[in-house]
């Protein structure tokens, strides 16, 4: 008898699911830091040419 009652209760309440939207908007915080490092090397001759003619760039 208790088995029949358990089956009857799960059959009546088991298929009812409520899904509702939240009251407040969903907030996603993204803290992204982008850094770039540029490394350059100049040939000795090119370096002296640039120093002699600073207006070429």
PDB file of N, CA and C in Angstrom:
ATOM      1  N   UNK A   1       0.806  -1.182   0.000  1.00  0.00           N
ATOM      2  CA  UNK A   1       0.000   0.000   0.000  1.00  0.00           C
ATOM      3  C   UNK A   1       0.861   1.263   0.000  1.00  0.00           C
ATOM      4  N   UNK A   2       1.925   1.273   0.779  1.00  0.00           N
ATOM      5  CA  UNK A   2       2.783   2.461   0.827  1.00  0.00           C
ATOM      6  C   UNK A   2       3.518   2.670  -0.489  1.00  0.00           C
ATOM      7  N   UNK A   3       3.777   1.572  -1.183  1.00  0.00           N
ATOM      8  CA  UNK A   3       4.410   1.698  -2.496  1.00  0.00           C
ATOM      9  C   UNK A   3       3.487   2.399  -3.478  1.00  0.00           C
ATOM     10  N   UNK A   4       2.232   2.071  -3.442  1.00  0.00           N
ATOM     11  CA  UNK A   4       1.269   2.714  -4.330  1.00  0.00           C
ATOM     12  C   UNK A   4       1.138   4.198  -4.013  1.00  0.00           C
ATOM     13  N   UNK A   5       1.178   4.541  -2.737  1.00  0.00           N
ATOM     14  CA  UNK A   5       1.102   5.949  -2.352  1.00  0.00           C
ATOM     15  C   UNK A   5       2.354   6.708  -2.818  1.00  0.00           C
ATOM     16  N   UNK A   6       3.522   6.095  -2.684  1.00  0.00           N
ATOM     17  CA  UNK A   6       4.769   6.736  -3.104  1.00  0.00           C
ATOM     18  C   UNK A   6       4.782   6.929  -4.614  1.00  0.00           C
ATOM     19  N   UNK A   7       4.310   5.949  -5.368  1.00  0.00           N
ATOM     20  CA  UNK A   7       4.252   6.068  -6.831  1.00  0.00           C
ATOM     21  C   UNK A   7       3.256   7.153  -7.223  1.00  0.00           C
ATOM     22  N   UNK A   8       2.138   7.221  -6.526  1.00  0.00           N
ATOM     23  CA  UNK A   8       1.117   8.237  -6.812  1.00  0.00           C
ATOM     24  C   UNK A   8       1.624   9.642  -6.527  1.00  0.00           C
ATOM     25  N   UNK A   9       2.362   9.829  -5.448  1.00  0.00           N
ATOM     26  CA  UNK A   9       2.897  11.147  -5.106  1.00  0.00           C
ATOM     27  C   UNK A   9       3.969  11.592  -6.094  1.00  0.00           C
ATOM     28  N   UNK A  10       4.855  10.677  -6.470  1.00  0.00           N
ATOM     29  CA  UNK A  10       5.910  11.054  -7.419  1.00  0.00           C
ATOM     30  C   UNK A  10       5.337  11.292  -8.807  1.00  0.00           C
ATOM     31  N   UNK A  11       4.299  10.633  -9.159  1.00  0.00           N
ATOM     32  CA  UNK A  11       3.688  10.830 -10.470  1.00  0.00           C
ATOM     33  C   UNK A  11       3.007  12.191 -10.558  1.00  0.00           C
ATOM     34  N   UNK A  12       2.423  12.651  -9.457  1.00  0.00           N
ATOM     35  CA  UNK A  12       1.718  13.932  -9.505  1.00  0.00           C
ATOM     36  C   UNK A  12       2.645  15.125  -9.321  1.00  0.00           C
ATOM     37  N   UNK A  13       3.702  14.983  -8.551  1.00  0.00           N
ATOM     38  CA  UNK A  13       4.593  16.122  -8.289  1.00  0.00           C
ATOM     39  C   UNK A  13       5.910  16.028  -9.040  1.00  0.00           C
ATOM     40  N   UNK A  14       6.238  14.912  -9.594  1.00  0.00           N
ATOM     41  CA  UNK A  14       7.544  14.722 -10.227  1.00  0.00           C
ATOM     42  C   UNK A  14       7.716  15.469 -11.539  1.00  0.00           C
ATOM     43  N   UNK A  15       6.681  15.781 -12.278  1.00  0.00           N
ATOM     44  CA  UNK A  15       6.821  16.417 -13.579  1.00  0.00           C
ATOM     45  C   UNK A  15       6.662  17.920 -13.568  1.00  0.00           C
ATOM     46  N   UNK A  16       6.591  18.546 -12.425  1.00  0.00           N
ATOM     47  CA  UNK A  16       6.353  19.983 -12.343  1.00  0.00           C
ATOM     48  C   UNK A  16       7.662  20.711 -12.054  1.00  0.00           C
ATOM     49  N   UNK A  17       8.143  21.500 -13.036  1.00  0.00           N
ATOM     50  CA  UNK A  17       9.376  22.267 -12.874  1.00  0.00           C
ATOM     51  C   UNK A  17       9.100  23.704 -13.259  1.00  0.00           C
ATOM     52  N   UNK A  18       9.466  24.638 -12.398  1.00  0.00           N
ATOM     53  CA  UNK A  18       9.312  26.060 -12.676  1.00  0.00           C
ATOM     54  C   UNK A  18      10.677  26.702 -12.863  1.00  0.00           C
ATOM     55  N   UNK A  19      10.830  27.423 -13.952  1.00  0.00           N
ATOM     56  CA  UNK A  19      12.062  28.156 -14.218  1.00  0.00           C
ATOM     57  C   UNK A  19      11.689  29.619 -14.402  1.00  0.00           C
ATOM     58  N   UNK A  20      12.327  30.488 -13.634  1.00  0.00           N
ATOM     59  CA  UNK A  20      12.021  31.914 -13.742  1.00  0.00           C
ATOM     60  C   UNK A  20      13.307  32.709 -13.880  1.00  0.00           C
ATOM     61  N   UNK A  21      13.207  33.857 -14.541  1.00  0.00           N
ATOM     62  CA  UNK A  21      14.362  34.732 -14.731  1.00  0.00           C
ATOM     63  C   UNK A  21      14.678  35.447 -13.420  1.00  0.00           C
ATOM     64  N   UNK A  22      15.959  35.761 -13.192  1.00  0.00           N
ATOM     65  CA  UNK A  22      16.312  36.472 -11.960  1.00  0.00           C
ATOM     66  C   UNK A  22      15.799  37.910 -11.986  1.00  0.00           C
ATOM     67  N   UNK A  23      15.591  38.477 -10.803  1.00  0.00           N
ATOM     68  CA  UNK A  23      15.108  39.855 -10.691  1.00  0.00           C
ATOM     69  C   UNK A  23      16.175  40.868 -11.098  1.00  0.00           C
ATOM     70  N   UNK A  24      17.425  40.584 -10.761  1.00  0.00           N
ATOM     71  CA  UNK A  24      18.533  41.492 -11.069  1.00  0.00           C
ATOM     72  C   UNK A  24      19.296  40.960 -12.285  1.00  0.00           C
ATOM     73  N   UNK A  25      19.906  41.851 -13.084  1.00  0.00           N
ATOM     74  CA  UNK A  25      20.689  41.373 -14.233  1.00  0.00           C
ATOM     75  C   UNK A  25      21.951  40.650 -13.772  1.00  0.00           C
ATOM     76  N   UNK A  26      22.404  39.744 -14.585  1.00  0.00           N
ATOM     77  CA  UNK A  26      23.620  39.000 -14.293  1.00  0.00           C
ATOM     78  C   UNK A  26      24.803  39.906 -14.582  1.00  0.00           C
ATOM     79  N   UNK A  27      25.725  40.006 -13.638  1.00  0.00           N
ATOM     80  CA  UNK A  27      26.883  40.890 -13.775  1.00  0.00           C
ATOM     81  C   UNK A  27      28.138  40.043 -13.855  1.00  0.00           C
ATOM     82  N   UNK A  28      28.927  40.269 -14.906  1.00  0.00           N
ATOM     83  CA  UNK A  28      30.180  39.549 -15.095  1.00  0.00           C
ATOM     84  C   UNK A  28      31.301  40.570 -15.124  1.00  0.00           C
ATOM     85  N   UNK A  29      32.239  40.456 -14.197  1.00  0.00           N
ATOM     86  CA  UNK A  29      33.385  41.366 -14.137  1.00  0.00           C
ATOM     87  C   UNK A  29      34.580  40.706 -14.792  1.00  0.00           C
ATOM     88  N   UNK A  30      35.111  41.354 -15.828  1.00  0.00           N
ATOM     89  CA  UNK A  30      36.308  40.855 -16.499  1.00  0.00           C
ATOM     90  C   UNK A  30      37.415  41.891 -16.332  1.00  0.00           C
ATOM     91  N   UNK A  31      38.392  41.557 -15.561  1.00  0.00           N
ATOM     92  CA  UNK A  31      39.545  42.431 -15.384  1.00  0.00           C
ATOM     93  C   UNK A  31      40.682  41.860 -16.223  1.00  0.00           C
ATOM     94  N   UNK A  32      40.914  42.495 -17.367  1.00  0.00           N
ATOM     95  CA  UNK A  32      41.931  42.000 -18.297  1.00  0.00           C
ATOM     96  C   UNK A  32      43.011  43.061 -18.425  1.00  0.00           C
ATOM     97  N   UNK A  33      44.232  42.645 -18.256  1.00  0.00           N
ATOM     98  CA  UNK A  33      45.364  43.552 -18.389  1.00  0.00           C
ATOM     99  C   UNK A  33      46.221  43.047 -19.547  1.00  0.00           C
ATOM    100  N   UNK A  34      46.403  43.900 -20.538  1.00  0.00           N
ATOM    101  CA  UNK A  34      47.199  43.525 -21.696  1.00  0.00           C
ATOM    102  C   UNK A  34      48.438  44.416 -21.713  1.00  0.00           C
ATOM    103  N   UNK A  35      49.576  43.805 -21.640  1.00  0.00           N
ATOM    104  CA  UNK A  35      50.834  44.548 -21.714  1.00  0.00           C
ATOM    105  C   UNK A  35      51.673  43.971 -22.841  1.00  0.00           C
ATOM    106  N   UNK A  36      52.398  44.833 -23.472  1.00  0.00           N
ATOM    107  CA  UNK A  36      53.245  44.398 -24.576  1.00  0.00           C
ATOM    108  C   UNK A  36      54.619  45.002 -24.370  1.00  0.00           C
ATOM    109  N   UNK A  37      55.615  44.211 -24.598  1.00  0.00           N
ATOM    110  CA  UNK A  37      56.977  44.667 -24.437  1.00  0.00           C
ATOM    111  C   UNK A  37      57.686  44.521 -25.777  1.00  0.00           C
ATOM    112  N   UNK A  38      58.280  45.601 -26.225  1.00  0.00           N
ATOM    113  CA  UNK A  38      58.983  45.590 -27.502  1.00  0.00           C
ATOM    114  C   UNK A  38      60.478  45.666 -27.211  1.00  0.00           C
ATOM    115  N   UNK A  39      61.193  44.702 -27.716  1.00  0.00           N
ATOM    116  CA  UNK A  39      62.641  44.657 -27.539  1.00  0.00           C
ATOM    117  C   UNK A  39      63.274  44.800 -28.916  1.00  0.00           C
ATOM    118  N   UNK A  40      64.215  45.715 -29.017  1.00  0.00           N
ATOM    119  CA  UNK A  40      64.876  45.902 -30.304  1.00  0.00           C
ATOM    120  C   UNK A  40      66.379  46.014 -30.085  1.00  0.00           C
ATOM    121  N   UNK A  41      67.126  45.640 -31.105  1.00  0.00           N
ATOM    122  CA  UNK A  41      68.582  45.742 -31.078  1.00  0.00           C
ATOM    123  C   UNK A  41      69.010  46.393 -32.382  1.00  0.00           C
ATOM    124  N   UNK A  42      69.927  47.324 -32.270  1.00  0.00           N
ATOM    125  CA  UNK A  42      70.432  47.998 -33.454  1.00  0.00           C
ATOM    126  C   UNK A  42      71.875  47.616 -33.692  1.00  0.00           C
ATOM    127  N   UNK A  43      72.189  47.457 -34.938  1.00  0.00           N
ATOM    128  CA  UNK A  43      73.570  47.247 -35.341  1.00  0.00           C
ATOM    129  C   UNK A  43      74.350  48.517 -34.990  1.00  0.00           C
ATOM    130  N   UNK A  44      75.594  48.392 -34.649  1.00  0.00           N
ATOM    131  CA  UNK A  44      76.412  49.544 -34.272  1.00  0.00           C
ATOM    132  C   UNK A  44      76.441  50.612 -35.347  1.00  0.00           C
ATOM    133  N   UNK A  45      76.529  50.208 -36.601  1.00  0.00           N
ATOM    134  CA  UNK A  45      76.567  51.166 -37.707  1.00  0.00           C
ATOM    135  C   UNK A  45      75.217  51.879 -37.848  1.00  0.00           C
ATOM    136  N   UNK A  46      74.137  51.152 -37.718  1.00  0.00           N
ATOM    137  CA  UNK A  46      72.807  51.756 -37.814  1.00  0.00           C
ATOM    138  C   UNK A  46      72.568  52.705 -36.651  1.00  0.00           C
ATOM    139  N   UNK A  47      73.045  52.343 -35.480  1.00  0.00           N
ATOM    140  CA  UNK A  47      72.878  53.197 -34.311  1.00  0.00           C
ATOM    141  C   UNK A  47      73.613  54.521 -34.484  1.00  0.00           C
ATOM    142  N   UNK A  48      74.827  54.467 -34.975  1.00  0.00           N
ATOM    143  CA  UNK A  48      75.589  55.707 -35.183  1.00  0.00           C
ATOM    144  C   UNK A  48      74.967  56.544 -36.300  1.00  0.00           C
ATOM    145  N   UNK A  49      74.397  55.927 -37.338  1.00  0.00           N
ATOM    146  CA  UNK A  49      73.733  56.646 -38.417  1.00  0.00           C
ATOM    147  C   UNK A  49      72.517  57.400 -37.891  1.00  0.00           C
ATOM    148  N   UNK A  50      71.736  56.754 -37.010  1.00  0.00           N
ATOM    149  CA  UNK A  50      70.560  57.381 -36.433  1.00  0.00           C
ATOM    150  C   UNK A  50      70.971  58.550 -35.525  1.00  0.00           C
ATOM    151  N   UNK A  51      72.035  58.359 -34.767  1.00  0.00           N
ATOM    152  CA  UNK A  51      72.494  59.425 -33.880  1.00  0.00           C
ATOM    153  C   UNK A  51      73.010  60.622 -34.678  1.00  0.00           C
ATOM    154  N   UNK A  52      73.624  60.394 -35.823  1.00  0.00           N
ATOM    155  CA  UNK A  52      74.128  61.477 -36.655  1.00  0.00           C
ATOM    156  C   UNK A  52      72.990  62.205 -37.381  1.00  0.00           C
ATOM    157  N   UNK A  53      71.909  61.493 -37.709  1.00  0.00           N
ATOM    158  CA  UNK A  53      70.773  62.063 -38.434  1.00  0.00           C
ATOM    159  C   UNK A  53      69.469  61.811 -37.654  1.00  0.00           C
ATOM    160  N   UNK A  54      69.217  62.537 -36.558  1.00  0.00           N
ATOM    161  CA  UNK A  54      68.026  62.250 -35.755  1.00  0.00           C
ATOM    162  C   UNK A  54      66.718  62.585 -36.446  1.00  0.00           C
ATOM    163  N   UNK A  55      66.737  63.363 -37.512  1.00  0.00           N
ATOM    164  CA  UNK A  55      65.507  63.748 -38.189  1.00  0.00           C
ATOM    165  C   UNK A  55      65.051  62.778 -39.249  1.00  0.00           C
ATOM    166  N   UNK A  56      65.725  61.656 -39.433  1.00  0.00           N
ATOM    167  CA  UNK A  56      65.323  60.721 -40.508  1.00  0.00           C
ATOM    168  C   UNK A  56      64.070  59.926 -40.151  1.00  0.00           C
ATOM    169  N   UNK A  57      63.677  59.946 -38.906  1.00  0.00           N
ATOM    170  CA  UNK A  57      62.462  59.207 -38.535  1.00  0.00           C
ATOM    171  C   UNK A  57      61.340  60.108 -38.242  1.00  0.00           C
TER     172      UNK A  57
END
